[in-house]
Amino acid sequence: MNQWLSALDDVLVRPFPADADVHHVDLRLSEDFWDCQTRDEIYEARCAEFEADRDRLVQAITNRYGAPQPRDLMPYVSGDPPA
């Protein structure tokens, strides 16, 4: 969990690349299941692990920054974001 929160800290201060307006960070990757002989045996368990990790990360972020609040994204869409 600490490595994911560290990645979040890094992304929050990292400038955007010249050709992008978003950051993409892989926090965890799974193996490819499409050609796997045991796909049906391991897919559901792996999905459950990812969902549990996601829920723990959501809780850690909520503990750190508070509950999510709705935001009007229209200024960002219209090209006039707040300073």
N, C-alpha and C. Protein backbone atom coordinates (compact mmCIF):
# COMPACT_ATOMS: atom_id res chain seq x y z
N MET A 1 0.82 -1.19 0.00
CA MET A 1 0.00 0.00 0.00
C MET A 1 0.87 1.26 0.00
N ASN A 2 1.94 1.24 0.75
CA ASN A 2 2.80 2.42 0.82
C ASN A 2 3.38 2.80 -0.53
N GLN A 3 3.74 1.79 -1.34
CA GLN A 3 4.29 2.09 -2.66
C GLN A 3 3.23 2.74 -3.55
N TRP A 4 1.97 2.39 -3.39
CA TRP A 4 0.92 3.00 -4.19
C TRP A 4 0.67 4.44 -3.75
N LEU A 5 0.70 4.67 -2.44
CA LEU A 5 0.54 6.04 -1.96
C LEU A 5 1.73 6.90 -2.37
N SER A 6 2.92 6.31 -2.41
CA SER A 6 4.10 7.04 -2.89
C SER A 6 3.94 7.39 -4.37
N ALA A 7 3.41 6.47 -5.15
CA ALA A 7 3.16 6.74 -6.57
C ALA A 7 2.14 7.87 -6.72
N LEU A 8 1.12 7.89 -5.88
CA LEU A 8 0.14 8.96 -5.89
C LEU A 8 0.80 10.30 -5.56
N ASP A 9 1.64 10.32 -4.53
CA ASP A 9 2.36 11.54 -4.16
C ASP A 9 3.19 12.05 -5.33
N ASP A 10 3.84 11.14 -6.04
CA ASP A 10 4.67 11.52 -7.19
C ASP A 10 3.82 12.11 -8.31
N VAL A 11 2.70 11.48 -8.60
CA VAL A 11 1.84 11.95 -9.69
C VAL A 11 1.25 13.32 -9.38
N LEU A 12 0.95 13.56 -8.12
CA LEU A 12 0.34 14.84 -7.76
C LEU A 12 1.25 16.03 -8.00
N VAL A 13 2.56 15.83 -7.99
CA VAL A 13 3.50 16.94 -8.20
C VAL A 13 4.22 16.87 -9.55
N ARG A 14 4.06 15.79 -10.27
CA ARG A 14 4.75 15.61 -11.55
C ARG A 14 4.08 16.46 -12.64
N PRO A 15 4.87 17.22 -13.39
CA PRO A 15 4.26 17.97 -14.50
C PRO A 15 3.79 17.02 -15.60
N PHE A 16 2.79 17.47 -16.34
CA PHE A 16 2.30 16.66 -17.44
C PHE A 16 3.30 16.69 -18.59
N PRO A 17 3.45 15.58 -19.30
CA PRO A 17 4.29 15.59 -20.50
C PRO A 17 3.72 16.57 -21.52
N ALA A 18 4.56 17.04 -22.41
CA ALA A 18 4.14 18.02 -23.42
C ALA A 18 3.01 17.50 -24.30
N ASP A 19 2.96 16.19 -24.53
CA ASP A 19 1.97 15.63 -25.45
C ASP A 19 0.78 14.98 -24.75
N ALA A 20 0.62 15.21 -23.44
CA ALA A 20 -0.47 14.56 -22.71
C ALA A 20 -1.01 15.49 -21.63
N ASP A 21 -2.28 15.28 -21.28
CA ASP A 21 -2.86 16.06 -20.20
C ASP A 21 -3.35 15.15 -19.07
N VAL A 22 -2.84 13.92 -19.05
CA VAL A 22 -3.14 12.97 -17.99
C VAL A 22 -1.87 12.19 -17.65
N HIS A 23 -1.86 11.62 -16.48
CA HIS A 23 -0.79 10.69 -16.10
C HIS A 23 -1.38 9.29 -16.09
N HIS A 24 -0.57 8.32 -16.43
CA HIS A 24 -0.97 6.92 -16.34
C HIS A 24 0.09 6.20 -15.54
N VAL A 25 -0.34 5.53 -14.48
CA VAL A 25 0.58 4.78 -13.63
C VAL A 25 0.00 3.40 -13.41
N ASP A 26 0.77 2.37 -13.74
CA ASP A 26 0.34 1.00 -13.45
C ASP A 26 0.72 0.68 -12.01
N LEU A 27 -0.29 0.49 -11.17
CA LEU A 27 -0.03 0.16 -9.78
C LEU A 27 0.16 -1.34 -9.60
N ARG A 28 -0.51 -2.09 -10.43
CA ARG A 28 -0.40 -3.54 -10.37
C ARG A 28 -0.84 -4.10 -11.71
N LEU A 29 -0.13 -5.09 -12.21
CA LEU A 29 -0.47 -5.72 -13.48
C LEU A 29 -0.72 -7.21 -13.25
N SER A 30 -1.61 -7.74 -14.01
CA SER A 30 -1.91 -9.15 -13.95
C SER A 30 -1.29 -9.86 -15.14
N GLU A 31 -1.13 -11.14 -15.02
CA GLU A 31 -0.67 -11.91 -16.17
C GLU A 31 -1.79 -11.99 -17.20
N ASP A 32 -1.46 -12.32 -18.41
CA ASP A 32 -2.42 -12.46 -19.49
C ASP A 32 -3.18 -13.78 -19.31
N PHE A 33 -4.50 -13.73 -19.34
CA PHE A 33 -5.31 -14.92 -19.12
C PHE A 33 -5.83 -15.54 -20.41
N TRP A 34 -5.71 -14.85 -21.53
CA TRP A 34 -6.38 -15.32 -22.73
C TRP A 34 -5.85 -16.64 -23.25
N ASP A 35 -4.58 -16.90 -23.14
CA ASP A 35 -4.02 -18.16 -23.62
C ASP A 35 -3.69 -19.13 -22.49
N CYS A 36 -4.14 -18.79 -21.33
CA CYS A 36 -3.79 -19.57 -20.14
C CYS A 36 -4.68 -20.81 -20.04
N GLN A 37 -4.07 -21.96 -19.83
CA GLN A 37 -4.82 -23.22 -19.68
C GLN A 37 -5.69 -23.20 -18.42
N THR A 38 -5.24 -22.46 -17.39
CA THR A 38 -5.96 -22.47 -16.11
C THR A 38 -6.74 -21.17 -15.90
N ARG A 39 -7.08 -20.48 -16.99
CA ARG A 39 -7.76 -19.19 -16.89
C ARG A 39 -8.97 -19.25 -15.97
N ASP A 40 -9.84 -20.21 -16.18
CA ASP A 40 -11.06 -20.30 -15.38
C ASP A 40 -10.78 -20.56 -13.91
N GLU A 41 -9.67 -21.21 -13.63
CA GLU A 41 -9.34 -21.53 -12.23
C GLU A 41 -8.77 -20.33 -11.48
N ILE A 42 -8.06 -19.45 -12.18
CA ILE A 42 -7.38 -18.37 -11.48
C ILE A 42 -7.99 -16.99 -11.72
N TYR A 43 -8.80 -16.83 -12.75
CA TYR A 43 -9.33 -15.51 -13.11
C TYR A 43 -10.15 -14.90 -11.98
N GLU A 44 -11.11 -15.62 -11.46
CA GLU A 44 -11.99 -15.08 -10.41
C GLU A 44 -11.19 -14.71 -9.15
N ALA A 45 -10.26 -15.56 -8.78
CA ALA A 45 -9.44 -15.27 -7.59
C ALA A 45 -8.60 -14.02 -7.82
N ARG A 46 -8.03 -13.88 -9.01
CA ARG A 46 -7.20 -12.72 -9.31
C ARG A 46 -8.05 -11.45 -9.32
N CYS A 47 -9.25 -11.53 -9.88
CA CYS A 47 -10.16 -10.38 -9.88
C CYS A 47 -10.50 -9.96 -8.45
N ALA A 48 -10.73 -10.92 -7.58
CA ALA A 48 -11.04 -10.63 -6.19
C ALA A 48 -9.86 -9.94 -5.50
N GLU A 49 -8.63 -10.38 -5.81
CA GLU A 49 -7.44 -9.74 -5.24
C GLU A 49 -7.35 -8.29 -5.68
N PHE A 50 -7.56 -8.04 -6.98
CA PHE A 50 -7.49 -6.68 -7.50
C PHE A 50 -8.56 -5.80 -6.87
N GLU A 51 -9.77 -6.32 -6.72
CA GLU A 51 -10.84 -5.54 -6.12
C GLU A 51 -10.54 -5.23 -4.66
N ALA A 52 -9.98 -6.19 -3.93
CA ALA A 52 -9.61 -5.96 -2.53
C ALA A 52 -8.51 -4.90 -2.43
N ASP A 53 -7.53 -4.97 -3.32
CA ASP A 53 -6.47 -3.95 -3.35
C ASP A 53 -7.05 -2.58 -3.66
N ARG A 54 -7.94 -2.53 -4.63
CA ARG A 54 -8.58 -1.26 -4.99
C ARG A 54 -9.33 -0.67 -3.80
N ASP A 55 -10.07 -1.50 -3.10
CA ASP A 55 -10.84 -1.03 -1.94
C ASP A 55 -9.92 -0.52 -0.83
N ARG A 56 -8.80 -1.21 -0.61
CA ARG A 56 -7.84 -0.74 0.41
C ARG A 56 -7.22 0.59 0.00
N LEU A 57 -6.92 0.76 -1.27
CA LEU A 57 -6.35 2.01 -1.75
C LEU A 57 -7.37 3.15 -1.63
N VAL A 58 -8.61 2.89 -1.98
CA VAL A 58 -9.67 3.89 -1.82
C VAL A 58 -9.76 4.32 -0.37
N GLN A 59 -9.71 3.37 0.55
CA GLN A 59 -9.80 3.70 1.98
C GLN A 59 -8.60 4.51 2.43
N ALA A 60 -7.40 4.15 1.96
CA ALA A 60 -6.20 4.89 2.33
C ALA A 60 -6.25 6.32 1.80
N ILE A 61 -6.72 6.50 0.57
CA ILE A 61 -6.83 7.85 0.00
C ILE A 61 -7.90 8.65 0.74
N THR A 62 -9.01 8.01 1.08
CA THR A 62 -10.06 8.68 1.84
C THR A 62 -9.56 9.08 3.22
N ASN A 63 -8.79 8.22 3.87
CA ASN A 63 -8.23 8.55 5.18
C ASN A 63 -7.29 9.75 5.08
N ARG A 64 -6.55 9.82 4.00
CA ARG A 64 -5.57 10.89 3.82
C ARG A 64 -6.21 12.21 3.43
N TYR A 65 -7.16 12.19 2.49
CA TYR A 65 -7.70 13.42 1.91
C TYR A 65 -9.16 13.70 2.25
N GLY A 66 -9.82 12.76 2.90
CA GLY A 66 -11.23 12.94 3.20
C GLY A 66 -12.10 12.29 2.14
N ALA A 67 -13.38 12.30 2.41
CA ALA A 67 -14.34 11.67 1.50
C ALA A 67 -14.39 12.42 0.18
N PRO A 68 -14.64 11.71 -0.91
CA PRO A 68 -14.75 12.38 -2.22
C PRO A 68 -15.88 13.39 -2.22
N GLN A 69 -15.67 14.48 -2.92
CA GLN A 69 -16.67 15.54 -3.05
C GLN A 69 -16.97 15.74 -4.53
N PRO A 70 -18.23 15.98 -4.89
CA PRO A 70 -18.55 16.23 -6.29
C PRO A 70 -17.90 17.54 -6.77
N ARG A 71 -17.46 17.56 -8.00
CA ARG A 71 -16.85 18.75 -8.61
C ARG A 71 -17.47 18.99 -9.98
N ASP A 72 -17.62 20.25 -10.32
CA ASP A 72 -18.08 20.63 -11.64
C ASP A 72 -16.88 20.60 -12.57
N LEU A 73 -16.88 19.70 -13.54
CA LEU A 73 -15.76 19.57 -14.47
C LEU A 73 -15.93 20.41 -15.73
N MET A 74 -17.05 21.10 -15.87
CA MET A 74 -17.29 21.88 -17.08
C MET A 74 -16.21 22.94 -17.33
N PRO A 75 -15.69 23.65 -16.31
CA PRO A 75 -14.62 24.60 -16.61
C PRO A 75 -13.40 23.94 -17.26
N TYR A 76 -13.12 22.70 -16.88
CA TYR A 76 -11.97 22.00 -17.47
C TYR A 76 -12.28 21.59 -18.91
N VAL A 77 -13.52 21.19 -19.15
CA VAL A 77 -13.94 20.79 -20.48
C VAL A 77 -13.95 22.00 -21.42
N SER A 78 -14.41 23.14 -20.91
CA SER A 78 -14.53 24.34 -21.75
C SER A 78 -13.21 25.06 -21.93
N GLY A 79 -12.15 24.59 -21.26
CA GLY A 79 -10.85 25.20 -21.43
C GLY A 79 -10.60 26.40 -20.54
N ASP A 80 -11.43 26.59 -19.51
CA ASP A 80 -11.28 27.72 -18.60
C ASP A 80 -11.19 27.22 -17.16
N PRO A 81 -10.17 26.41 -16.85
CA PRO A 81 -10.10 25.85 -15.49
C PRO A 81 -9.72 26.93 -14.48
N PRO A 82 -10.13 26.71 -13.23
CA PRO A 82 -9.74 27.67 -12.18
C PRO A 82 -8.22 27.65 -12.00
N ALA A 83 -7.70 28.75 -11.49
CA ALA A 83 -6.24 28.85 -11.27
C ALA A 83 -5.79 27.89 -10.21
